[in-house]
Amino acid sequence: MSALPVTSSAEVAAATAWSRRVRRVGGFIQVAFATFWLVRGSLTLRGVTGEVLAAFFLVLALWVTLYGVRVTAGRAPRPTSVEGRHIEREVTVATIIQLVASFAVPVVVIALGYPDWVLPSIAITIGPLLLWLDYRVHIPRLSPVGWVLIGGSIVLGLVLSGNPLAVTTGLSAGALLLATATLGFHDLTRPRVWGLPRRPRHASSRT
């Protein structure tokens, strides 16, 4: 007897639909985080240079947002199937956990006497969410971004401190998320979304 993977076509369809939706809705969330980091990192420089950079990134983030609204409209409808609602609950819970962590972890690091780690700690909390989203709804681009946010933030926190750490973390993490969001929006303009299909996550055995 041999074991062969069997996967519901309805579940594959739901995961595919949510892969598209996460690219759209998740992309706008990424733009929001990216804008915060880019502006904060720029203003940490202070003076005219910081103000000019902050203004530039605000305009760039606005352009990415408008681009996303225009090119993704109607391309990632909310799945209404039973499988789709199940994935929606999972994605919602994972997102809420990340948002709570992004507020709670900085409070903890400040209480422990490491205020310089506020931005790196927020970036670290986003990494696991991106890794899980790739695992659950198949967006291969998110895994390397998640690992970079985790590993890169730890490295920067160990070798830098003060304003240099805030500037470097803010600008690098913000630019990475902004680029990821833009590419995700662009994916939805293509007839076939990059990264799909992939070997299904859930499987049962048949003899």
N, C-alpha and C. Protein backbone atom coordinates (compact mmCIF):
# COMPACT_ATOMS: atom_id res chain seq x y z
N MET A 1 0.85 -1.19 0.00
CA MET A 1 0.00 0.00 0.00
C MET A 1 0.89 1.24 0.00
N SER A 2 0.40 2.27 -0.63
CA SER A 2 1.17 3.52 -0.68
C SER A 2 0.30 4.67 -0.21
N ALA A 3 0.91 5.65 0.39
CA ALA A 3 0.19 6.83 0.88
C ALA A 3 0.32 7.95 -0.12
N LEU A 4 -0.80 8.49 -0.53
CA LEU A 4 -0.81 9.59 -1.49
C LEU A 4 -1.49 10.79 -0.86
N PRO A 5 -0.94 12.01 -1.05
CA PRO A 5 -1.57 13.18 -0.47
C PRO A 5 -2.90 13.49 -1.14
N VAL A 6 -3.90 13.77 -0.32
CA VAL A 6 -5.21 14.15 -0.84
C VAL A 6 -5.58 15.48 -0.22
N THR A 7 -5.89 16.46 -1.03
CA THR A 7 -6.21 17.78 -0.54
C THR A 7 -7.49 18.27 -1.17
N SER A 8 -8.34 18.88 -0.38
CA SER A 8 -9.60 19.41 -0.88
C SER A 8 -9.34 20.53 -1.88
N SER A 9 -9.99 20.43 -3.03
CA SER A 9 -9.84 21.50 -4.02
C SER A 9 -10.42 22.80 -3.50
N ALA A 10 -11.44 22.69 -2.62
CA ALA A 10 -12.03 23.90 -2.03
C ALA A 10 -11.03 24.61 -1.13
N GLU A 11 -10.23 23.82 -0.39
CA GLU A 11 -9.24 24.44 0.48
C GLU A 11 -8.11 25.09 -0.33
N VAL A 12 -7.70 24.42 -1.40
CA VAL A 12 -6.69 25.01 -2.27
C VAL A 12 -7.19 26.32 -2.85
N ALA A 13 -8.46 26.32 -3.29
CA ALA A 13 -9.04 27.55 -3.86
C ALA A 13 -9.10 28.65 -2.81
N ALA A 14 -9.45 28.29 -1.56
CA ALA A 14 -9.53 29.28 -0.50
C ALA A 14 -8.16 29.85 -0.17
N ALA A 15 -7.14 28.98 -0.11
CA ALA A 15 -5.78 29.45 0.17
C ALA A 15 -5.29 30.36 -0.95
N THR A 16 -5.64 30.02 -2.19
CA THR A 16 -5.25 30.85 -3.33
C THR A 16 -5.90 32.22 -3.23
N ALA A 17 -7.20 32.23 -2.90
CA ALA A 17 -7.92 33.50 -2.78
C ALA A 17 -7.35 34.35 -1.66
N TRP A 18 -7.00 33.71 -0.54
CA TRP A 18 -6.45 34.48 0.57
C TRP A 18 -5.01 34.91 0.31
N SER A 19 -4.31 34.17 -0.54
CA SER A 19 -2.98 34.61 -0.93
C SER A 19 -3.08 35.95 -1.66
N ARG A 20 -4.07 36.06 -2.50
CA ARG A 20 -4.30 37.31 -3.22
C ARG A 20 -4.75 38.41 -2.26
N ARG A 21 -5.66 38.05 -1.35
CA ARG A 21 -6.20 39.08 -0.44
C ARG A 21 -5.13 39.59 0.53
N VAL A 22 -4.28 38.69 1.00
CA VAL A 22 -3.21 39.12 1.90
C VAL A 22 -2.25 40.06 1.18
N ARG A 23 -2.00 39.79 -0.11
CA ARG A 23 -1.16 40.70 -0.88
C ARG A 23 -1.77 42.10 -0.93
N ARG A 24 -3.10 42.17 -1.02
CA ARG A 24 -3.74 43.47 -1.11
C ARG A 24 -3.90 44.12 0.26
N VAL A 25 -4.67 43.49 1.15
CA VAL A 25 -4.94 44.08 2.46
C VAL A 25 -3.67 44.14 3.30
N GLY A 26 -2.91 43.04 3.30
CA GLY A 26 -1.65 43.04 4.04
C GLY A 26 -0.67 44.06 3.49
N GLY A 27 -0.75 44.29 2.18
CA GLY A 27 0.13 45.28 1.57
C GLY A 27 -0.11 46.67 2.13
N PHE A 28 -1.37 47.03 2.34
CA PHE A 28 -1.68 48.35 2.89
C PHE A 28 -1.22 48.46 4.35
N ILE A 29 -1.32 47.36 5.09
CA ILE A 29 -0.81 47.36 6.47
C ILE A 29 0.70 47.53 6.47
N GLN A 30 1.38 46.85 5.54
CA GLN A 30 2.82 47.00 5.42
C GLN A 30 3.21 48.43 5.08
N VAL A 31 2.43 49.07 4.21
CA VAL A 31 2.70 50.47 3.86
C VAL A 31 2.58 51.35 5.10
N ALA A 32 1.58 51.08 5.94
CA ALA A 32 1.40 51.88 7.16
C ALA A 32 2.60 51.75 8.09
N PHE A 33 3.04 50.50 8.33
CA PHE A 33 4.21 50.30 9.17
C PHE A 33 5.45 50.93 8.54
N ALA A 34 5.60 50.75 7.23
CA ALA A 34 6.76 51.29 6.53
C ALA A 34 6.81 52.81 6.65
N THR A 35 5.67 53.45 6.49
CA THR A 35 5.61 54.91 6.59
C THR A 35 6.04 55.38 7.97
N PHE A 36 5.54 54.71 9.00
CA PHE A 36 5.91 55.07 10.37
C PHE A 36 7.42 54.97 10.57
N TRP A 37 7.99 53.85 10.13
CA TRP A 37 9.42 53.65 10.33
C TRP A 37 10.26 54.60 9.51
N LEU A 38 9.89 54.79 8.26
CA LEU A 38 10.68 55.67 7.40
C LEU A 38 10.65 57.11 7.90
N VAL A 39 9.48 57.57 8.31
CA VAL A 39 9.37 58.94 8.82
C VAL A 39 10.10 59.08 10.14
N ARG A 40 9.90 58.12 11.04
CA ARG A 40 10.58 58.21 12.33
C ARG A 40 12.09 58.12 12.17
N GLY A 41 12.54 57.21 11.32
CA GLY A 41 13.98 57.09 11.09
C GLY A 41 14.56 58.36 10.49
N SER A 42 13.81 58.98 9.58
CA SER A 42 14.29 60.22 8.95
C SER A 42 14.36 61.35 9.96
N LEU A 43 13.31 61.52 10.75
CA LEU A 43 13.27 62.63 11.71
C LEU A 43 14.29 62.47 12.82
N THR A 44 14.75 61.23 13.05
CA THR A 44 15.79 61.01 14.05
C THR A 44 17.08 61.70 13.64
N LEU A 45 17.26 61.88 12.32
CA LEU A 45 18.45 62.59 11.83
C LEU A 45 18.43 64.05 12.23
N ARG A 46 17.22 64.59 12.37
CA ARG A 46 17.01 65.99 12.75
C ARG A 46 17.52 66.94 11.67
N GLY A 47 17.16 68.21 11.82
CA GLY A 47 17.60 69.21 10.85
C GLY A 47 16.88 69.09 9.53
N VAL A 48 17.37 69.84 8.56
CA VAL A 48 16.75 69.90 7.24
C VAL A 48 16.80 68.54 6.54
N THR A 49 17.92 67.85 6.69
CA THR A 49 18.07 66.55 6.03
C THR A 49 16.97 65.59 6.45
N GLY A 50 16.74 65.50 7.75
CA GLY A 50 15.71 64.61 8.25
C GLY A 50 14.32 65.00 7.78
N GLU A 51 14.04 66.30 7.76
CA GLU A 51 12.73 66.78 7.33
C GLU A 51 12.49 66.51 5.84
N VAL A 52 13.54 66.72 5.05
CA VAL A 52 13.41 66.46 3.61
C VAL A 52 13.18 64.98 3.35
N LEU A 53 13.95 64.12 4.04
CA LEU A 53 13.77 62.67 3.87
C LEU A 53 12.38 62.23 4.31
N ALA A 54 11.91 62.78 5.43
CA ALA A 54 10.58 62.41 5.93
C ALA A 54 9.51 62.80 4.92
N ALA A 55 9.63 63.99 4.34
CA ALA A 55 8.66 64.44 3.35
C ALA A 55 8.71 63.56 2.10
N PHE A 56 9.92 63.20 1.69
CA PHE A 56 10.08 62.34 0.51
C PHE A 56 9.40 60.99 0.73
N PHE A 57 9.64 60.39 1.90
CA PHE A 57 9.06 59.07 2.17
C PHE A 57 7.54 59.14 2.34
N LEU A 58 7.04 60.26 2.86
CA LEU A 58 5.59 60.42 2.95
C LEU A 58 4.96 60.45 1.57
N VAL A 59 5.59 61.18 0.66
CA VAL A 59 5.08 61.25 -0.71
C VAL A 59 5.18 59.89 -1.38
N LEU A 60 6.31 59.20 -1.17
CA LEU A 60 6.51 57.87 -1.76
C LEU A 60 5.47 56.88 -1.24
N ALA A 61 5.22 56.91 0.08
CA ALA A 61 4.22 56.01 0.67
C ALA A 61 2.83 56.32 0.13
N LEU A 62 2.53 57.60 -0.06
CA LEU A 62 1.23 57.97 -0.62
C LEU A 62 1.09 57.45 -2.04
N TRP A 63 2.18 57.55 -2.82
CA TRP A 63 2.15 57.05 -4.19
C TRP A 63 1.92 55.54 -4.21
N VAL A 64 2.62 54.81 -3.34
CA VAL A 64 2.45 53.36 -3.28
C VAL A 64 1.01 53.01 -2.88
N THR A 65 0.46 53.76 -1.93
CA THR A 65 -0.92 53.52 -1.51
C THR A 65 -1.90 53.73 -2.66
N LEU A 66 -1.75 54.84 -3.38
CA LEU A 66 -2.63 55.12 -4.51
C LEU A 66 -2.46 54.09 -5.62
N TYR A 67 -1.21 53.67 -5.84
CA TYR A 67 -0.93 52.63 -6.83
C TYR A 67 -1.64 51.34 -6.44
N GLY A 68 -1.53 50.97 -5.16
CA GLY A 68 -2.17 49.76 -4.69
C GLY A 68 -3.68 49.81 -4.83
N VAL A 69 -4.27 50.94 -4.48
CA VAL A 69 -5.72 51.08 -4.60
C VAL A 69 -6.15 50.93 -6.06
N ARG A 70 -5.39 51.52 -6.95
CA ARG A 70 -5.77 51.54 -8.37
C ARG A 70 -5.62 50.17 -9.01
N VAL A 71 -4.48 49.51 -8.80
CA VAL A 71 -4.22 48.29 -9.56
C VAL A 71 -4.81 47.03 -8.92
N THR A 72 -5.21 47.11 -7.64
CA THR A 72 -5.73 45.90 -6.99
C THR A 72 -7.24 45.94 -6.81
N ALA A 73 -7.88 47.01 -7.21
CA ALA A 73 -9.33 47.12 -7.03
C ALA A 73 -10.05 45.95 -7.72
N GLY A 74 -10.83 45.22 -6.94
CA GLY A 74 -11.60 44.11 -7.49
C GLY A 74 -10.81 42.85 -7.79
N ARG A 75 -9.52 42.84 -7.51
CA ARG A 75 -8.68 41.69 -7.86
C ARG A 75 -8.45 40.72 -6.70
N ALA A 76 -8.91 41.07 -5.51
CA ALA A 76 -8.72 40.18 -4.36
C ALA A 76 -9.97 40.17 -3.50
N PRO A 77 -11.08 39.66 -4.04
CA PRO A 77 -12.34 39.64 -3.27
C PRO A 77 -12.23 38.76 -2.04
N ARG A 78 -13.03 39.09 -1.05
CA ARG A 78 -13.02 38.33 0.20
C ARG A 78 -13.67 36.96 -0.03
N PRO A 79 -12.97 35.86 0.25
CA PRO A 79 -13.54 34.53 0.06
C PRO A 79 -14.73 34.31 1.00
N THR A 80 -15.77 33.68 0.50
CA THR A 80 -16.97 33.47 1.30
C THR A 80 -17.24 31.99 1.59
N SER A 81 -16.39 31.11 1.10
CA SER A 81 -16.59 29.68 1.34
C SER A 81 -16.29 29.35 2.80
N VAL A 82 -16.70 28.15 3.22
CA VAL A 82 -16.41 27.69 4.58
C VAL A 82 -14.90 27.67 4.82
N GLU A 83 -14.16 27.12 3.82
CA GLU A 83 -12.70 27.07 3.94
C GLU A 83 -12.11 28.47 3.98
N GLY A 84 -12.68 29.37 3.19
CA GLY A 84 -12.19 30.74 3.17
C GLY A 84 -12.40 31.44 4.51
N ARG A 85 -13.56 31.23 5.12
CA ARG A 85 -13.83 31.84 6.43
C ARG A 85 -12.92 31.27 7.51
N HIS A 86 -12.58 29.99 7.37
CA HIS A 86 -11.66 29.37 8.33
C HIS A 86 -10.28 30.02 8.24
N ILE A 87 -9.79 30.20 7.02
CA ILE A 87 -8.50 30.86 6.84
C ILE A 87 -8.57 32.30 7.32
N GLU A 88 -9.69 32.96 7.07
CA GLU A 88 -9.85 34.35 7.51
C GLU A 88 -9.71 34.47 9.02
N ARG A 89 -10.31 33.54 9.76
CA ARG A 89 -10.18 33.56 11.22
C ARG A 89 -8.73 33.39 11.63
N GLU A 90 -8.04 32.47 10.98
CA GLU A 90 -6.63 32.24 11.31
C GLU A 90 -5.78 33.48 11.04
N VAL A 91 -5.99 34.09 9.87
CA VAL A 91 -5.22 35.29 9.50
C VAL A 91 -5.54 36.43 10.46
N THR A 92 -6.82 36.58 10.81
CA THR A 92 -7.21 37.66 11.71
C THR A 92 -6.57 37.49 13.08
N VAL A 93 -6.62 36.27 13.63
CA VAL A 93 -6.03 36.01 14.94
C VAL A 93 -4.52 36.26 14.92
N ALA A 94 -3.85 35.77 13.86
CA ALA A 94 -2.40 35.96 13.76
C ALA A 94 -2.05 37.45 13.66
N THR A 95 -2.84 38.21 12.93
CA THR A 95 -2.59 39.64 12.78
C THR A 95 -2.80 40.37 14.10
N ILE A 96 -3.87 40.01 14.82
CA ILE A 96 -4.13 40.64 16.12
C ILE A 96 -3.00 40.35 17.10
N ILE A 97 -2.53 39.10 17.10
CA ILE A 97 -1.43 38.73 17.99
C ILE A 97 -0.19 39.58 17.69
N GLN A 98 0.10 39.76 16.38
CA GLN A 98 1.26 40.57 16.01
C GLN A 98 1.09 42.01 16.45
N LEU A 99 -0.10 42.57 16.24
CA LEU A 99 -0.34 43.97 16.62
C LEU A 99 -0.20 44.16 18.12
N VAL A 100 -0.74 43.22 18.89
CA VAL A 100 -0.61 43.30 20.35
C VAL A 100 0.86 43.20 20.75
N ALA A 101 1.59 42.29 20.10
CA ALA A 101 3.01 42.12 20.41
C ALA A 101 3.81 43.38 20.06
N SER A 102 3.42 44.04 18.95
CA SER A 102 4.17 45.23 18.52
C SER A 102 4.03 46.38 19.51
N PHE A 103 2.97 46.34 20.33
CA PHE A 103 2.82 47.36 21.38
C PHE A 103 3.39 46.86 22.72
N ALA A 104 3.22 45.58 22.99
CA ALA A 104 3.63 45.04 24.29
C ALA A 104 5.14 44.86 24.41
N VAL A 105 5.77 44.34 23.36
CA VAL A 105 7.21 44.06 23.43
C VAL A 105 8.03 45.33 23.67
N PRO A 106 7.75 46.46 22.97
CA PRO A 106 8.51 47.68 23.27
C PRO A 106 8.37 48.13 24.73
N VAL A 107 7.17 47.95 25.30
CA VAL A 107 6.98 48.30 26.71
C VAL A 107 7.89 47.45 27.59
N VAL A 108 7.99 46.17 27.23
CA VAL A 108 8.83 45.26 28.01
C VAL A 108 10.30 45.65 27.91
N VAL A 109 10.78 45.94 26.69
CA VAL A 109 12.20 46.25 26.55
C VAL A 109 12.54 47.58 27.22
N ILE A 110 11.60 48.51 27.22
CA ILE A 110 11.83 49.78 27.93
C ILE A 110 11.90 49.52 29.44
N ALA A 111 10.98 48.69 29.93
CA ALA A 111 10.96 48.36 31.36
C ALA A 111 12.23 47.65 31.79
N LEU A 112 12.83 46.89 30.85
CA LEU A 112 14.07 46.17 31.16
C LEU A 112 15.30 47.06 31.04
N GLY A 113 15.09 48.30 30.61
CA GLY A 113 16.21 49.24 30.52
C GLY A 113 16.90 49.28 29.18
N TYR A 114 16.19 48.87 28.10
CA TYR A 114 16.77 48.88 26.77
C TYR A 114 15.91 49.70 25.80
N PRO A 115 15.78 51.01 26.02
CA PRO A 115 14.92 51.83 25.17
C PRO A 115 15.37 51.87 23.70
N ASP A 116 16.66 51.66 23.47
CA ASP A 116 17.15 51.66 22.08
C ASP A 116 16.55 50.52 21.25
N TRP A 117 16.05 49.50 21.93
CA TRP A 117 15.54 48.32 21.24
C TRP A 117 14.07 48.43 20.84
N VAL A 118 13.47 49.60 21.01
CA VAL A 118 12.05 49.75 20.70
C VAL A 118 11.76 49.42 19.23
N LEU A 119 12.42 50.11 18.29
CA LEU A 119 12.18 49.84 16.87
C LEU A 119 12.59 48.43 16.46
N PRO A 120 13.80 47.96 16.86
CA PRO A 120 14.15 46.59 16.50
C PRO A 120 13.15 45.57 17.04
N SER A 121 12.62 45.79 18.23
CA SER A 121 11.69 44.83 18.81
C SER A 121 10.38 44.79 18.01
N ILE A 122 9.94 45.93 17.51
CA ILE A 122 8.72 45.94 16.69
C ILE A 122 8.96 45.18 15.39
N ALA A 123 10.11 45.42 14.78
CA ALA A 123 10.44 44.71 13.53
C ALA A 123 10.50 43.21 13.76
N ILE A 124 11.04 42.80 14.91
CA ILE A 124 11.15 41.38 15.21
C ILE A 124 9.76 40.74 15.33
N THR A 125 8.78 41.47 15.88
CA THR A 125 7.44 40.90 16.04
C THR A 125 6.75 40.70 14.69
N ILE A 126 7.12 41.46 13.69
CA ILE A 126 6.49 41.32 12.37
C ILE A 126 7.04 40.11 11.63
N GLY A 127 8.29 39.78 11.86
CA GLY A 127 8.93 38.67 11.16
C GLY A 127 8.16 37.36 11.25
N PRO A 128 7.80 36.88 12.46
CA PRO A 128 7.07 35.62 12.56
C PRO A 128 5.73 35.63 11.83
N LEU A 129 5.05 36.78 11.82
CA LEU A 129 3.78 36.85 11.10
C LEU A 129 3.98 36.63 9.61
N LEU A 130 5.02 37.24 9.05
CA LEU A 130 5.29 37.07 7.62
C LEU A 130 5.66 35.62 7.30
N LEU A 131 6.44 34.99 8.18
CA LEU A 131 6.78 33.58 7.98
C LEU A 131 5.53 32.71 7.99
N TRP A 132 4.64 32.98 8.93
CA TRP A 132 3.42 32.18 9.03
C TRP A 132 2.50 32.41 7.83
N LEU A 133 2.40 33.64 7.37
CA LEU A 133 1.54 33.93 6.21
C LEU A 133 2.03 33.19 4.96
N ASP A 134 3.34 33.12 4.78
CA ASP A 134 3.85 32.35 3.65
C ASP A 134 3.48 30.88 3.81
N TYR A 135 3.63 30.37 5.02
CA TYR A 135 3.30 28.96 5.28
C TYR A 135 1.82 28.66 5.07
N ARG A 136 0.97 29.60 5.46
CA ARG A 136 -0.47 29.34 5.43
C ARG A 136 -1.11 29.63 4.08
N VAL A 137 -0.74 30.76 3.45
CA VAL A 137 -1.42 31.13 2.20
C VAL A 137 -0.46 31.26 1.01
N HIS A 138 0.76 30.78 1.18
CA HIS A 138 1.68 30.62 0.06
C HIS A 138 2.08 31.95 -0.61
N ILE A 139 2.90 32.73 0.08
CA ILE A 139 3.48 33.94 -0.51
C ILE A 139 4.99 33.85 -0.27
N PRO A 140 5.72 33.17 -1.16
CA PRO A 140 7.14 32.87 -0.95
C PRO A 140 8.00 34.09 -0.62
N ARG A 141 7.63 35.24 -1.12
CA ARG A 141 8.43 36.44 -0.88
C ARG A 141 8.49 36.81 0.60
N LEU A 142 7.47 36.45 1.36
CA LEU A 142 7.39 36.90 2.74
C LEU A 142 8.37 36.19 3.68
N SER A 143 8.74 34.96 3.38
CA SER A 143 9.65 34.23 4.27
C SER A 143 11.02 34.90 4.39
N PRO A 144 11.71 35.18 3.26
CA PRO A 144 13.01 35.86 3.41
C PRO A 144 12.89 37.23 4.05
N VAL A 145 11.79 37.95 3.77
CA VAL A 145 11.60 39.26 4.41
C VAL A 145 11.43 39.08 5.91
N GLY A 146 10.67 38.06 6.32
CA GLY A 146 10.49 37.82 7.74
C GLY A 146 11.79 37.49 8.44
N TRP A 147 12.61 36.64 7.82
CA TRP A 147 13.90 36.29 8.42
C TRP A 147 14.84 37.49 8.50
N VAL A 148 14.81 38.33 7.47
CA VAL A 148 15.65 39.54 7.48
C VAL A 148 15.22 40.47 8.61
N LEU A 149 13.91 40.64 8.79
CA LEU A 149 13.44 41.51 9.86
C LEU A 149 13.86 40.99 11.23
N ILE A 150 13.79 39.68 11.40
CA ILE A 150 14.19 39.10 12.70
C ILE A 150 15.70 39.17 12.89
N GLY A 151 16.43 38.55 11.95
CA GLY A 151 17.88 38.49 12.09
C GLY A 151 18.55 39.84 11.96
N GLY A 152 18.12 40.63 10.99
CA GLY A 152 18.73 41.94 10.79
C GLY A 152 18.52 42.86 11.98
N SER A 153 17.32 42.82 12.57
CA SER A 153 17.05 43.68 13.73
C SER A 153 17.90 43.28 14.92
N ILE A 154 18.08 41.99 15.12
CA ILE A 154 18.92 41.53 16.23
C ILE A 154 20.37 41.97 16.03
N VAL A 155 20.87 41.79 14.81
CA VAL A 155 22.26 42.19 14.52
C VAL A 155 22.44 43.68 14.72
N LEU A 156 21.52 44.49 14.18
CA LEU A 156 21.63 45.94 14.32
C LEU A 156 21.57 46.35 15.80
N GLY A 157 20.71 45.68 16.56
CA GLY A 157 20.60 46.00 17.97
C GLY A 157 21.85 45.67 18.76
N LEU A 158 22.59 44.68 18.28
CA LEU A 158 23.81 44.27 18.97
C LEU A 158 25.02 45.15 18.63
N VAL A 159 25.02 45.73 17.43
CA VAL A 159 26.20 46.49 17.00
C VAL A 159 26.00 48.00 17.04
N LEU A 160 24.74 48.45 17.15
CA LEU A 160 24.48 49.89 17.16
C LEU A 160 23.67 50.27 18.39
N SER A 161 23.58 51.56 18.64
CA SER A 161 22.75 52.05 19.75
C SER A 161 22.37 53.49 19.47
N GLY A 162 21.42 54.01 20.23
CA GLY A 162 21.03 55.40 20.10
C GLY A 162 20.45 55.74 18.75
N ASN A 163 20.74 56.98 18.29
CA ASN A 163 20.21 57.45 17.02
C ASN A 163 20.64 56.59 15.82
N PRO A 164 21.91 56.15 15.75
CA PRO A 164 22.29 55.31 14.62
C PRO A 164 21.43 54.05 14.50
N LEU A 165 21.08 53.45 15.64
CA LEU A 165 20.24 52.25 15.62
C LEU A 165 18.83 52.59 15.15
N ALA A 166 18.28 53.70 15.65
CA ALA A 166 16.92 54.10 15.26
C ALA A 166 16.85 54.43 13.78
N VAL A 167 17.85 55.17 13.29
CA VAL A 167 17.86 55.55 11.88
C VAL A 167 18.01 54.33 10.99
N THR A 168 19.00 53.49 11.30
CA THR A 168 19.27 52.32 10.46
C THR A 168 18.10 51.35 10.45
N THR A 169 17.56 51.06 11.64
CA THR A 169 16.43 50.14 11.72
C THR A 169 15.20 50.69 11.02
N GLY A 170 14.90 51.96 11.29
CA GLY A 170 13.71 52.57 10.70
C GLY A 170 13.77 52.61 9.18
N LEU A 171 14.89 53.07 8.64
CA LEU A 171 14.99 53.21 7.18
C LEU A 171 15.08 51.86 6.48
N SER A 172 15.84 50.94 7.04
CA SER A 172 16.00 49.64 6.37
C SER A 172 14.72 48.81 6.44
N ALA A 173 14.12 48.71 7.63
CA ALA A 173 12.88 47.94 7.77
C ALA A 173 11.74 48.59 6.99
N GLY A 174 11.68 49.91 7.04
CA GLY A 174 10.63 50.61 6.31
C GLY A 174 10.75 50.43 4.81
N ALA A 175 11.97 50.56 4.30
CA ALA A 175 12.18 50.38 2.86
C ALA A 175 11.86 48.96 2.42
N LEU A 176 12.22 47.99 3.26
CA LEU A 176 11.96 46.58 2.94
C LEU A 176 10.46 46.31 2.87
N LEU A 177 9.71 46.80 3.84
CA LEU A 177 8.27 46.58 3.85
C LEU A 177 7.57 47.33 2.72
N LEU A 178 8.04 48.53 2.43
CA LEU A 178 7.43 49.31 1.35
C LEU A 178 7.64 48.61 0.01
N ALA A 179 8.85 48.09 -0.20
CA ALA A 179 9.14 47.37 -1.44
C ALA A 179 8.32 46.09 -1.52
N THR A 180 8.18 45.38 -0.39
CA THR A 180 7.40 44.14 -0.37
C THR A 180 5.94 44.41 -0.70
N ALA A 181 5.39 45.48 -0.13
CA ALA A 181 4.00 45.84 -0.41
C ALA A 181 3.81 46.19 -1.88
N THR A 182 4.73 46.95 -2.43
CA THR A 182 4.62 47.35 -3.83
C THR A 182 4.65 46.14 -4.75
N LEU A 183 5.56 45.21 -4.48
CA LEU A 183 5.65 43.99 -5.29
C LEU A 183 4.39 43.14 -5.15
N GLY A 184 3.82 43.11 -3.93
CA GLY A 184 2.59 42.38 -3.73
C GLY A 184 1.44 42.97 -4.54
N PHE A 185 1.35 44.30 -4.57
CA PHE A 185 0.32 44.94 -5.40
C PHE A 185 0.55 44.60 -6.87
N HIS A 186 1.80 44.63 -7.28
CA HIS A 186 2.12 44.35 -8.68
C HIS A 186 1.76 42.91 -9.05
N ASP A 187 1.92 41.98 -8.09
CA ASP A 187 1.55 40.59 -8.35
C ASP A 187 0.12 40.48 -8.86
N LEU A 188 -0.76 41.30 -8.29
CA LEU A 188 -2.18 41.19 -8.62
C LEU A 188 -2.53 41.75 -9.99
N THR A 189 -1.57 42.39 -10.63
CA THR A 189 -1.83 42.88 -11.99
C THR A 189 -1.56 41.80 -13.02
N ARG A 190 -0.96 40.68 -12.58
CA ARG A 190 -0.60 39.61 -13.50
C ARG A 190 -1.72 38.59 -13.60
N PRO A 191 -1.84 37.93 -14.75
CA PRO A 191 -2.86 36.89 -14.91
C PRO A 191 -2.68 35.75 -13.91
N ARG A 192 -1.42 35.42 -13.60
CA ARG A 192 -1.13 34.33 -12.67
C ARG A 192 -0.23 34.86 -11.57
N VAL A 193 -0.73 34.82 -10.34
CA VAL A 193 0.00 35.36 -9.20
C VAL A 193 1.23 34.52 -8.91
N TRP A 194 2.36 35.18 -8.73
CA TRP A 194 3.61 34.49 -8.44
C TRP A 194 3.49 33.74 -7.11
N GLY A 195 3.99 32.50 -7.11
CA GLY A 195 3.99 31.71 -5.88
C GLY A 195 2.85 30.73 -5.79
N LEU A 196 1.91 30.76 -6.74
CA LEU A 196 0.79 29.83 -6.73
C LEU A 196 0.75 29.08 -8.04
N PRO A 197 0.33 27.80 -8.03
CA PRO A 197 0.04 27.04 -6.82
C PRO A 197 1.30 26.49 -6.19
N ARG A 198 1.20 26.09 -4.93
CA ARG A 198 2.30 25.43 -4.24
C ARG A 198 1.75 24.18 -3.60
N ARG A 199 2.61 23.26 -3.22
CA ARG A 199 2.15 22.02 -2.60
C ARG A 199 1.25 22.35 -1.42
N PRO A 200 0.04 21.85 -1.39
CA PRO A 200 -0.92 22.19 -0.35
C PRO A 200 -0.39 21.94 1.05
N ARG A 201 -0.86 22.74 1.98
CA ARG A 201 -0.40 22.62 3.37
C ARG A 201 -1.02 21.42 4.06
N HIS A 202 -2.35 21.25 3.88
CA HIS A 202 -3.03 20.16 4.56
C HIS A 202 -3.11 18.94 3.69
N ALA A 203 -2.91 17.80 4.24
CA ALA A 203 -3.00 16.57 3.46
C ALA A 203 -3.48 15.43 4.34
N SER A 204 -4.17 14.49 3.76
CA SER A 204 -4.56 13.27 4.45
C SER A 204 -4.05 12.12 3.62
N SER A 205 -4.14 10.91 4.08
CA SER A 205 -3.57 9.79 3.37
C SER A 205 -4.65 8.90 2.79
N ARG A 206 -4.31 8.27 1.68
CA ARG A 206 -5.23 7.35 1.02
C ARG A 206 -4.43 6.10 0.65
N THR A 207 -4.99 4.97 0.85
CA THR A 207 -4.28 3.71 0.57
C THR A 207 -4.86 3.05 -0.64
